[in-house]
């Protein structure tokens, strides 16, 4: 059960980090042509990065709670 939750968290972290990275790259390409749109996309990218950090925190808390820090 714990392993399934860890796997789900790991997948969520990867998805959020990928979204943040892709959106940051998109915002960078649009920066000069459409600055307002680029700023909105960059904000969304940051939100995904924050979600990834939150998931990392949940994963760390779960690992610590079960004494599995090495996983």
Protein backbone atom coordinates (compact mmCIF):
# COMPACT_ATOMS: atom_id res chain seq x y z
CA UNK A 1 0.00 0.00 0.00
CA UNK A 2 2.71 2.46 0.96
CA UNK A 3 4.67 1.59 -2.18
CA UNK A 4 1.62 2.34 -4.34
CA UNK A 5 1.27 5.77 -2.72
CA UNK A 6 4.99 6.44 -3.18
CA UNK A 7 4.73 5.44 -6.84
CA UNK A 8 1.74 7.72 -7.32
CA UNK A 9 3.56 10.61 -5.68
CA UNK A 10 6.66 9.96 -7.79
CA UNK A 11 4.54 9.99 -10.96
CA UNK A 12 2.81 13.20 -9.85
CA UNK A 13 6.14 14.87 -9.14
CA UNK A 14 7.47 13.90 -12.56
CA UNK A 15 4.32 15.17 -14.30
CA UNK A 16 4.33 18.50 -12.45
CA UNK A 17 8.05 19.03 -13.10
CA UNK A 18 7.63 18.21 -16.79
CA UNK A 19 4.70 20.62 -17.09
CA UNK A 20 6.66 23.36 -15.33
CA UNK A 21 9.65 22.85 -17.60
CA UNK A 22 7.64 22.74 -20.82
CA UNK A 23 5.62 25.81 -19.90
CA UNK A 24 8.75 27.74 -18.92
CA UNK A 25 10.28 26.93 -22.29
CA UNK A 26 7.09 28.02 -24.06
CA UNK A 27 7.00 31.27 -22.10
CA UNK A 28 10.61 31.91 -23.05
CA UNK A 29 9.87 31.52 -26.76
CA UNK A 30 6.86 33.87 -26.53
CA UNK A 31 8.54 36.49 -24.34
CA UNK A 32 9.26 39.05 -27.07
CA UNK A 33 6.23 38.52 -29.32
CA UNK A 34 3.52 38.24 -26.66
CA UNK A 35 4.83 39.40 -23.29
CA UNK A 36 1.48 39.32 -21.47
CA UNK A 37 0.76 35.78 -22.60
CA UNK A 38 4.30 34.73 -21.75
CA UNK A 39 3.89 36.13 -18.25
CA UNK A 40 0.65 34.19 -17.74
CA UNK A 41 2.27 30.99 -18.98
CA UNK A 42 5.26 31.57 -16.71
CA UNK A 43 2.91 31.99 -13.74
CA UNK A 44 1.30 28.67 -14.60
CA UNK A 45 4.75 27.12 -14.88
CA UNK A 46 5.60 28.37 -11.39
CA UNK A 47 2.36 26.94 -10.04
CA UNK A 48 3.30 23.51 -11.42
CA UNK A 49 6.75 23.81 -9.85
CA UNK A 50 5.15 24.66 -6.50
CA UNK A 51 2.86 21.62 -6.80
CA UNK A 52 5.90 19.44 -7.50
CA UNK A 53 7.60 20.78 -4.37
CA UNK A 54 4.48 20.13 -2.31
CA UNK A 55 4.34 16.56 -3.59
CA UNK A 56 8.02 16.11 -2.74
CA UNK A 57 7.22 17.28 0.78
CA UNK A 58 4.36 14.82 1.09
CA UNK A 59 6.57 12.02 -0.18
CA UNK A 60 9.33 12.94 2.28
CA UNK A 61 6.84 13.04 5.16
CA UNK A 62 5.47 9.64 4.19
CA UNK A 63 8.95 8.18 3.95
CA UNK A 64 9.91 9.62 7.32
CA UNK A 65 6.66 8.46 8.90
CA UNK A 66 7.33 4.88 7.90
CA UNK A 67 11.09 5.03 8.49
CA UNK A 68 11.83 4.61 4.79
CA UNK A 69 14.04 7.65 4.22
CA UNK A 70 16.37 5.69 1.92
CA UNK A 71 13.73 4.96 -0.74
